[in-house]
Amino acid sequence: MSAFKRMLFKVAGRKYDQMTAKKNQHYYFIFVHEDAAGSERISELFAERHIKASVDEVFTLDDINKALQKVAAGKSKGKTIIRITG
């Protein structure tokens, strides 16, 4: 990644750096291509490092408007999942 992009991320992430430092936490960005290989690599990284995603709530497709309203209001404290069943 270029020095310019690293500097932009540092400036943009300053608020989150301060928040996580207060709680003795860490966060990392992982950039992948939106393809099968990228998805597979992310899955492998999560498994290798025992990373668990933070899931806030799971909604059915019938409740998609509730899910979107919750996310838009900034009230989601993790991933908001829409379950689509066939």
PDB file of N, CA and C in Angstrom:
ATOM      1  N   MET A   1       0.853  -1.167   0.000  1.00  0.00           N
ATOM      2  CA  MET A   1       0.000   0.000   0.000  1.00  0.00           C
ATOM      3  C   MET A   1       0.901   1.234   0.000  1.00  0.00           C
ATOM      4  N   SER A   2       0.491   2.227  -0.734  1.00  0.00           N
ATOM      5  CA  SER A   2       1.301   3.433  -0.850  1.00  0.00           C
ATOM      6  C   SER A   2       1.343   4.199   0.484  1.00  0.00           C
ATOM      7  N   ALA A   3       2.380   5.011   0.628  1.00  0.00           N
ATOM      8  CA  ALA A   3       2.525   5.824   1.843  1.00  0.00           C
ATOM      9  C   ALA A   3       1.350   6.785   2.001  1.00  0.00           C
ATOM     10  N   PHE A   4       0.862   7.318   0.890  1.00  0.00           N
ATOM     11  CA  PHE A   4      -0.280   8.235   0.938  1.00  0.00           C
ATOM     12  C   PHE A   4      -1.526   7.535   1.487  1.00  0.00           C
ATOM     13  N   LYS A   5      -1.804   6.326   1.019  1.00  0.00           N
ATOM     14  CA  LYS A   5      -2.968   5.583   1.516  1.00  0.00           C
ATOM     15  C   LYS A   5      -2.800   5.237   2.995  1.00  0.00           C
ATOM     16  N   ARG A   6      -1.600   4.861   3.400  1.00  0.00           N
ATOM     17  CA  ARG A   6      -1.363   4.559   4.819  1.00  0.00           C
ATOM     18  C   ARG A   6      -1.618   5.786   5.685  1.00  0.00           C
ATOM     19  N   MET A   7      -1.189   6.948   5.192  1.00  0.00           N
ATOM     20  CA  MET A   7      -1.406   8.191   5.935  1.00  0.00           C
ATOM     21  C   MET A   7      -2.904   8.503   6.042  1.00  0.00           C
ATOM     22  N   LEU A   8      -3.644   8.299   4.958  1.00  0.00           N
ATOM     23  CA  LEU A   8      -5.094   8.535   4.996  1.00  0.00           C
ATOM     24  C   LEU A   8      -5.781   7.617   6.005  1.00  0.00           C
ATOM     25  N   PHE A   9      -5.408   6.347   6.027  1.00  0.00           N
ATOM     26  CA  PHE A   9      -5.996   5.417   6.983  1.00  0.00           C
ATOM     27  C   PHE A   9      -5.633   5.803   8.409  1.00  0.00           C
ATOM     28  N   LYS A  10      -4.430   6.278   8.618  1.00  0.00           N
ATOM     29  CA  LYS A  10      -4.018   6.691   9.965  1.00  0.00           C
ATOM     30  C   LYS A  10      -4.874   7.855  10.444  1.00  0.00           C
ATOM     31  N   VAL A  11      -5.089   8.840   9.585  1.00  0.00           N
ATOM     32  CA  VAL A  11      -5.910  10.002   9.948  1.00  0.00           C
ATOM     33  C   VAL A  11      -7.358   9.573  10.176  1.00  0.00           C
ATOM     34  N   ALA A  12      -7.892   8.788   9.248  1.00  0.00           N
ATOM     35  CA  ALA A  12      -9.292   8.359   9.347  1.00  0.00           C
ATOM     36  C   ALA A  12      -9.527   7.459  10.551  1.00  0.00           C
ATOM     37  N   GLY A  13      -8.518   6.680  10.938  1.00  0.00           N
ATOM     38  CA  GLY A  13      -8.692   5.725  12.022  1.00  0.00           C
ATOM     39  C   GLY A  13      -8.311   6.234  13.394  1.00  0.00           C
ATOM     40  N   ARG A  14      -7.887   7.482  13.496  1.00  0.00           N
ATOM     41  CA  ARG A  14      -7.426   8.023  14.784  1.00  0.00           C
ATOM     42  C   ARG A  14      -8.484   7.871  15.874  1.00  0.00           C
ATOM     43  N   LYS A  15      -9.729   8.164  15.547  1.00  0.00           N
ATOM     44  CA  LYS A  15     -10.821   8.057  16.526  1.00  0.00           C
ATOM     45  C   LYS A  15     -10.937   6.616  17.045  1.00  0.00           C
ATOM     46  N   TYR A  16     -10.849   5.649  16.129  1.00  0.00           N
ATOM     47  CA  TYR A  16     -10.977   4.243  16.521  1.00  0.00           C
ATOM     48  C   TYR A  16      -9.742   3.769  17.276  1.00  0.00           C
ATOM     49  N   ASP A  17      -8.581   4.309  16.933  1.00  0.00           N
ATOM     50  CA  ASP A  17      -7.367   3.979  17.680  1.00  0.00           C
ATOM     51  C   ASP A  17      -7.506   4.390  19.140  1.00  0.00           C
ATOM     52  N   GLN A  18      -8.036   5.575  19.372  1.00  0.00           N
ATOM     53  CA  GLN A  18      -8.216   6.065  20.736  1.00  0.00           C
ATOM     54  C   GLN A  18      -9.257   5.238  21.494  1.00  0.00           C
ATOM     55  N   MET A  19     -10.356   4.912  20.819  1.00  0.00           N
ATOM     56  CA  MET A  19     -11.417   4.124  21.470  1.00  0.00           C
ATOM     57  C   MET A  19     -10.904   2.748  21.872  1.00  0.00           C
ATOM     58  N   THR A  20     -10.188   2.083  20.963  1.00  0.00           N
ATOM     59  CA  THR A  20      -9.714   0.737  21.271  1.00  0.00           C
ATOM     60  C   THR A  20      -8.592   0.751  22.304  1.00  0.00           C
ATOM     61  N   ALA A  21      -7.764   1.785  22.287  1.00  0.00           N
ATOM     62  CA  ALA A  21      -6.677   1.877  23.268  1.00  0.00           C
ATOM     63  C   ALA A  21      -7.237   1.960  24.685  1.00  0.00           C
ATOM     64  N   LYS A  22      -8.337   2.684  24.862  1.00  0.00           N
ATOM     65  CA  LYS A  22      -8.950   2.798  26.188  1.00  0.00           C
ATOM     66  C   LYS A  22      -9.421   1.448  26.711  1.00  0.00           C
ATOM     67  N   LYS A  23      -9.800   0.547  25.803  1.00  0.00           N
ATOM     68  CA  LYS A  23     -10.308  -0.770  26.200  1.00  0.00           C
ATOM     69  C   LYS A  23      -9.265  -1.866  26.027  1.00  0.00           C
ATOM     70  N   ASN A  24      -8.018  -1.458  25.732  1.00  0.00           N
ATOM     71  CA  ASN A  24      -6.937  -2.409  25.508  1.00  0.00           C
ATOM     72  C   ASN A  24      -7.311  -3.415  24.418  1.00  0.00           C
ATOM     73  N   GLN A  25      -7.885  -2.922  23.334  1.00  0.00           N
ATOM     74  CA  GLN A  25      -8.292  -3.751  22.208  1.00  0.00           C
ATOM     75  C   GLN A  25      -7.488  -3.356  20.973  1.00  0.00           C
ATOM     76  N   HIS A  26      -7.567  -4.189  19.954  1.00  0.00           N
ATOM     77  CA  HIS A  26      -6.879  -3.936  18.691  1.00  0.00           C
ATOM     78  C   HIS A  26      -7.835  -4.225  17.547  1.00  0.00           C
ATOM     79  N   TYR A  27      -7.592  -3.582  16.422  1.00  0.00           N
ATOM     80  CA  TYR A  27      -8.359  -3.886  15.219  1.00  0.00           C
ATOM     81  C   TYR A  27      -7.429  -3.841  14.027  1.00  0.00           C
ATOM     82  N   TYR A  28      -7.805  -4.546  12.987  1.00  0.00           N
ATOM     83  CA  TYR A  28      -6.989  -4.619  11.780  1.00  0.00           C
ATOM     84  C   TYR A  28      -7.903  -4.550  10.570  1.00  0.00           C
ATOM     85  N   PHE A  29      -7.384  -4.005   9.494  1.00  0.00           N
ATOM     86  CA  PHE A  29      -8.097  -4.002   8.222  1.00  0.00           C
ATOM     87  C   PHE A  29      -7.508  -5.086   7.338  1.00  0.00           C
ATOM     88  N   ILE A  30      -8.366  -5.789   6.646  1.00  0.00           N
ATOM     89  CA  ILE A  30      -7.933  -6.794   5.684  1.00  0.00           C
ATOM     90  C   ILE A  30      -8.614  -6.459   4.363  1.00  0.00           C
ATOM     91  N   PHE A  31      -7.827  -6.303   3.325  1.00  0.00           N
ATOM     92  CA  PHE A  31      -8.367  -5.977   2.014  1.00  0.00           C
ATOM     93  C   PHE A  31      -8.254  -7.190   1.107  1.00  0.00           C
ATOM     94  N   VAL A  32      -9.356  -7.564   0.504  1.00  0.00           N
ATOM     95  CA  VAL A  32      -9.359  -8.695  -0.424  1.00  0.00           C
ATOM     96  C   VAL A  32     -10.202  -8.333  -1.644  1.00  0.00           C
ATOM     97  N   HIS A  33     -10.013  -9.086  -2.700  1.00  0.00           N
ATOM     98  CA  HIS A  33     -10.851  -8.922  -3.888  1.00  0.00           C
ATOM     99  C   HIS A  33     -12.200  -9.584  -3.626  1.00  0.00           C
ATOM    100  N   GLU A  34     -13.223  -9.051  -4.249  1.00  0.00           N
ATOM    101  CA  GLU A  34     -14.576  -9.609  -4.081  1.00  0.00           C
ATOM    102  C   GLU A  34     -14.756 -10.782  -5.033  1.00  0.00           C
ATOM    103  N   ASP A  35     -14.091 -11.867  -4.732  1.00  0.00           N
ATOM    104  CA  ASP A  35     -14.208 -13.064  -5.546  1.00  0.00           C
ATOM    105  C   ASP A  35     -14.100 -14.285  -4.642  1.00  0.00           C
ATOM    106  N   ALA A  36     -14.235 -15.445  -5.215  1.00  0.00           N
ATOM    107  CA  ALA A  36     -14.207 -16.677  -4.426  1.00  0.00           C
ATOM    108  C   ALA A  36     -12.879 -16.851  -3.700  1.00  0.00           C
ATOM    109  N   ALA A  37     -11.777 -16.519  -4.358  1.00  0.00           N
ATOM    110  CA  ALA A  37     -10.460 -16.686  -3.727  1.00  0.00           C
ATOM    111  C   ALA A  37     -10.317 -15.769  -2.511  1.00  0.00           C
ATOM    112  N   GLY A  38     -10.791 -14.527  -2.626  1.00  0.00           N
ATOM    113  CA  GLY A  38     -10.723 -13.597  -1.506  1.00  0.00           C
ATOM    114  C   GLY A  38     -11.574 -14.064  -0.339  1.00  0.00           C
ATOM    115  N   SER A  39     -12.773 -14.526  -0.636  1.00  0.00           N
ATOM    116  CA  SER A  39     -13.665 -15.038   0.416  1.00  0.00           C
ATOM    117  C   SER A  39     -13.065 -16.256   1.100  1.00  0.00           C
ATOM    118  N   GLU A  40     -12.450 -17.114   0.313  1.00  0.00           N
ATOM    119  CA  GLU A  40     -11.819 -18.316   0.870  1.00  0.00           C
ATOM    120  C   GLU A  40     -10.656 -17.938   1.782  1.00  0.00           C
ATOM    121  N   ARG A  41      -9.863 -16.969   1.373  1.00  0.00           N
ATOM    122  CA  ARG A  41      -8.707 -16.555   2.176  1.00  0.00           C
ATOM    123  C   ARG A  41      -9.151 -15.938   3.501  1.00  0.00           C
ATOM    124  N   ILE A  42     -10.202 -15.117   3.473  1.00  0.00           N
ATOM    125  CA  ILE A  42     -10.718 -14.532   4.715  1.00  0.00           C
ATOM    126  C   ILE A  42     -11.190 -15.639   5.653  1.00  0.00           C
ATOM    127  N   SER A  43     -11.897 -16.612   5.111  1.00  0.00           N
ATOM    128  CA  SER A  43     -12.372 -17.731   5.919  1.00  0.00           C
ATOM    129  C   SER A  43     -11.207 -18.470   6.562  1.00  0.00           C
ATOM    130  N   GLU A  44     -10.134 -18.686   5.803  1.00  0.00           N
ATOM    131  CA  GLU A  44      -8.953 -19.365   6.334  1.00  0.00           C
ATOM    132  C   GLU A  44      -8.299 -18.544   7.445  1.00  0.00           C
ATOM    133  N   LEU A  45      -8.175 -17.230   7.246  1.00  0.00           N
ATOM    134  CA  LEU A  45      -7.567 -16.369   8.268  1.00  0.00           C
ATOM    135  C   LEU A  45      -8.356 -16.401   9.572  1.00  0.00           C
ATOM    136  N   PHE A  46      -9.683 -16.343   9.461  1.00  0.00           N
ATOM    137  CA  PHE A  46     -10.519 -16.371  10.665  1.00  0.00           C
ATOM    138  C   PHE A  46     -10.346 -17.694  11.393  1.00  0.00           C
ATOM    139  N   ALA A  47     -10.283 -18.785  10.650  1.00  0.00           N
ATOM    140  CA  ALA A  47     -10.127 -20.099  11.270  1.00  0.00           C
ATOM    141  C   ALA A  47      -8.744 -20.248  11.901  1.00  0.00           C
ATOM    142  N   GLU A  48      -7.696 -19.825  11.178  1.00  0.00           N
ATOM    143  CA  GLU A  48      -6.323 -19.948  11.683  1.00  0.00           C
ATOM    144  C   GLU A  48      -6.120 -19.152  12.973  1.00  0.00           C
ATOM    145  N   ARG A  49      -6.678 -17.985  13.040  1.00  0.00           N
ATOM    146  CA  ARG A  49      -6.427 -17.092  14.176  1.00  0.00           C
ATOM    147  C   ARG A  49      -7.549 -17.118  15.217  1.00  0.00           C
ATOM    148  N   HIS A  50      -8.512 -18.000  15.009  1.00  0.00           N
ATOM    149  CA  HIS A  50      -9.629 -18.157  15.936  1.00  0.00           C
ATOM    150  C   HIS A  50     -10.367 -16.836  16.162  1.00  0.00           C
ATOM    151  N   ILE A  51     -10.611 -16.134  15.062  1.00  0.00           N
ATOM    152  CA  ILE A  51     -11.322 -14.853  15.112  1.00  0.00           C
ATOM    153  C   ILE A  51     -12.813 -15.131  15.004  1.00  0.00           C
ATOM    154  N   LYS A  52     -13.578 -14.522  15.861  1.00  0.00           N
ATOM    155  CA  LYS A  52     -15.027 -14.676  15.820  1.00  0.00           C
ATOM    156  C   LYS A  52     -15.651 -13.341  15.444  1.00  0.00           C
ATOM    157  N   ALA A  53     -16.524 -13.374  14.469  1.00  0.00           N
ATOM    158  CA  ALA A  53     -17.226 -12.154  14.062  1.00  0.00           C
ATOM    159  C   ALA A  53     -18.246 -11.786  15.136  1.00  0.00           C
ATOM    160  N   SER A  54     -18.438 -10.505  15.325  1.00  0.00           N
ATOM    161  CA  SER A  54     -19.403 -10.010  16.285  1.00  0.00           C
ATOM    162  C   SER A  54     -20.757  -9.874  15.583  1.00  0.00           C
ATOM    163  N   VAL A  55     -21.682 -10.759  15.898  1.00  0.00           N
ATOM    164  CA  VAL A  55     -23.016 -10.732  15.288  1.00  0.00           C
ATOM    165  C   VAL A  55     -23.974 -10.059  16.259  1.00  0.00           C
ATOM    166  N   ASP A  56     -24.589  -8.978  15.792  1.00  0.00           N
ATOM    167  CA  ASP A  56     -25.524  -8.232  16.626  1.00  0.00           C
ATOM    168  C   ASP A  56     -26.887  -8.911  16.640  1.00  0.00           C
ATOM    169  N   GLU A  57     -27.426  -9.140  15.454  1.00  0.00           N
ATOM    170  CA  GLU A  57     -28.784  -9.713  15.376  1.00  0.00           C
ATOM    171  C   GLU A  57     -28.982 -10.350  14.008  1.00  0.00           C
ATOM    172  N   VAL A  58     -29.814 -11.385  13.974  1.00  0.00           N
ATOM    173  CA  VAL A  58     -30.151 -12.065  12.726  1.00  0.00           C
ATOM    174  C   VAL A  58     -31.617 -11.796  12.426  1.00  0.00           C
ATOM    175  N   PHE A  59     -31.891 -11.270  11.238  1.00  0.00           N
ATOM    176  CA  PHE A  59     -33.248 -10.965  10.799  1.00  0.00           C
ATOM    177  C   PHE A  59     -33.650 -11.909   9.675  1.00  0.00           C
ATOM    178  N   THR A  60     -34.944 -12.165   9.562  1.00  0.00           N
ATOM    179  CA  THR A  60     -35.448 -12.904   8.407  1.00  0.00           C
ATOM    180  C   THR A  60     -35.639 -11.919   7.260  1.00  0.00           C
ATOM    181  N   LEU A  61     -35.803 -12.441   6.082  1.00  0.00           N
ATOM    182  CA  LEU A  61     -36.018 -11.587   4.923  1.00  0.00           C
ATOM    183  C   LEU A  61     -37.297 -10.755   5.082  1.00  0.00           C
ATOM    184  N   ASP A  62     -38.284 -11.304   5.782  1.00  0.00           N
ATOM    185  CA  ASP A  62     -39.523 -10.556   6.021  1.00  0.00           C
ATOM    186  C   ASP A  62     -39.289  -9.312   6.884  1.00  0.00           C
ATOM    187  N   ASP A  63     -38.240  -9.331   7.699  1.00  0.00           N
ATOM    188  CA  ASP A  63     -37.936  -8.208   8.597  1.00  0.00           C
ATOM    189  C   ASP A  63     -36.781  -7.344   8.097  1.00  0.00           C
ATOM    190  N   ILE A  64     -36.541  -7.372   6.807  1.00  0.00           N
ATOM    191  CA  ILE A  64     -35.400  -6.639   6.256  1.00  0.00           C
ATOM    192  C   ILE A  64     -35.499  -5.136   6.532  1.00  0.00           C
ATOM    193  N   ASN A  65     -36.709  -4.579   6.512  1.00  0.00           N
ATOM    194  CA  ASN A  65     -36.851  -3.143   6.795  1.00  0.00           C
ATOM    195  C   ASN A  65     -36.433  -2.805   8.220  1.00  0.00           C
ATOM    196  N   LYS A  66     -36.750  -3.683   9.170  1.00  0.00           N
ATOM    197  CA  LYS A  66     -36.321  -3.474  10.559  1.00  0.00           C
ATOM    198  C   LYS A  66     -34.793  -3.499  10.647  1.00  0.00           C
ATOM    199  N   ALA A  67     -34.199  -4.431   9.941  1.00  0.00           N
ATOM    200  CA  ALA A  67     -32.739  -4.549   9.951  1.00  0.00           C
ATOM    201  C   ALA A  67     -32.096  -3.304   9.361  1.00  0.00           C
ATOM    202  N   LEU A  68     -32.603  -2.839   8.243  1.00  0.00           N
ATOM    203  CA  LEU A  68     -32.045  -1.652   7.595  1.00  0.00           C
ATOM    204  C   LEU A  68     -32.216  -0.407   8.463  1.00  0.00           C
ATOM    205  N   GLN A  69     -33.355  -0.301   9.138  1.00  0.00           N
ATOM    206  CA  GLN A  69     -33.583   0.844  10.023  1.00  0.00           C
ATOM    207  C   GLN A  69     -32.599   0.822  11.198  1.00  0.00           C
ATOM    208  N   LYS A  70     -32.354  -0.358  11.746  1.00  0.00           N
ATOM    209  CA  LYS A  70     -31.433  -0.485  12.875  1.00  0.00           C
ATOM    210  C   LYS A  70     -30.022  -0.059  12.467  1.00  0.00           C
ATOM    211  N   VAL A  71     -29.573  -0.531  11.307  1.00  0.00           N
ATOM    212  CA  VAL A  71     -28.236  -0.184  10.836  1.00  0.00           C
ATOM    213  C   VAL A  71     -28.156   1.311  10.520  1.00  0.00           C
ATOM    214  N   ALA A  72     -29.176   1.844   9.843  1.00  0.00           N
ATOM    215  CA  ALA A  72     -29.183   3.269   9.479  1.00  0.00           C
ATOM    216  C   ALA A  72     -29.175   4.167  10.715  1.00  0.00           C
ATOM    217  N   ALA A  73     -29.786   3.704  11.799  1.00  0.00           N
ATOM    218  CA  ALA A  73     -29.837   4.487  13.038  1.00  0.00           C
ATOM    219  C   ALA A  73     -28.548   4.357  13.852  1.00  0.00           C
ATOM    220  N   GLY A  74     -27.624   3.505  13.385  1.00  0.00           N
ATOM    221  CA  GLY A  74     -26.362   3.330  14.097  1.00  0.00           C
ATOM    222  C   GLY A  74     -26.487   2.523  15.366  1.00  0.00           C
ATOM    223  N   LYS A  75     -27.507   1.678  15.455  1.00  0.00           N
ATOM    224  CA  LYS A  75     -27.746   0.931  16.688  1.00  0.00           C
ATOM    225  C   LYS A  75     -27.240  -0.497  16.639  1.00  0.00           C
ATOM    226  N   SER A  76     -26.604  -0.884  15.545  1.00  0.00           N
ATOM    227  CA  SER A  76     -26.057  -2.230  15.426  1.00  0.00           C
ATOM    228  C   SER A  76     -24.695  -2.276  16.094  1.00  0.00           C
ATOM    229  N   LYS A  77     -24.471  -3.247  16.951  1.00  0.00           N
ATOM    230  CA  LYS A  77     -23.201  -3.371  17.663  1.00  0.00           C
ATOM    231  C   LYS A  77     -22.433  -4.597  17.180  1.00  0.00           C
ATOM    232  N   GLY A  78     -22.483  -4.832  15.911  1.00  0.00           N
ATOM    233  CA  GLY A  78     -21.817  -5.972  15.284  1.00  0.00           C
ATOM    234  C   GLY A  78     -22.434  -6.159  13.914  1.00  0.00           C
ATOM    235  N   LYS A  79     -22.273  -7.327  13.366  1.00  0.00           N
ATOM    236  CA  LYS A  79     -22.834  -7.609  12.049  1.00  0.00           C
ATOM    237  C   LYS A  79     -24.329  -7.843  12.166  1.00  0.00           C
ATOM    238  N   THR A  80     -25.067  -7.225  11.275  1.00  0.00           N
ATOM    239  CA  THR A  80     -26.504  -7.463  11.168  1.00  0.00           C
ATOM    240  C   THR A  80     -26.694  -8.424  10.000  1.00  0.00           C
ATOM    241  N   ILE A  81     -27.273  -9.562  10.282  1.00  0.00           N
ATOM    242  CA  ILE A  81     -27.390 -10.643   9.300  1.00  0.00           C
ATOM    243  C   ILE A  81     -28.831 -10.732   8.805  1.00  0.00           C
ATOM    244  N   ILE A  82     -28.978 -10.905   7.494  1.00  0.00           N
ATOM    245  CA  ILE A  82     -30.290 -11.190   6.881  1.00  0.00           C
ATOM    246  C   ILE A  82     -30.263 -12.656   6.472  1.00  0.00           C
ATOM    247  N   ARG A  83     -31.108 -13.446   7.091  1.00  0.00           N
ATOM    248  CA  ARG A  83     -31.164 -14.882   6.773  1.00  0.00           C
ATOM    249  C   ARG A  83     -32.128 -15.094   5.616  1.00  0.00           C
ATOM    250  N   ILE A  84     -31.618 -15.677   4.554  1.00  0.00           N
ATOM    251  CA  ILE A  84     -32.437 -15.973   3.372  1.00  0.00           C
ATOM    252  C   ILE A  84     -32.503 -17.477   3.255  1.00  0.00           C
ATOM    253  N   THR A  85     -33.710 -18.018   3.401  1.00  0.00           N
ATOM    254  CA  THR A  85     -33.896 -19.464   3.292  1.00  0.00           C
ATOM    255  C   THR A  85     -34.746 -19.767   2.089  1.00  0.00           C
ATOM    256  N   GLY A  86     -34.520 -20.915   1.498  1.00  0.00           N
ATOM    257  CA  GLY A  86     -35.238 -21.279   0.271  1.00  0.00           C
ATOM    258  C   GLY A  86     -36.423 -22.147   0.497  1.00  0.00           C
TER     259      GLY A  86
END
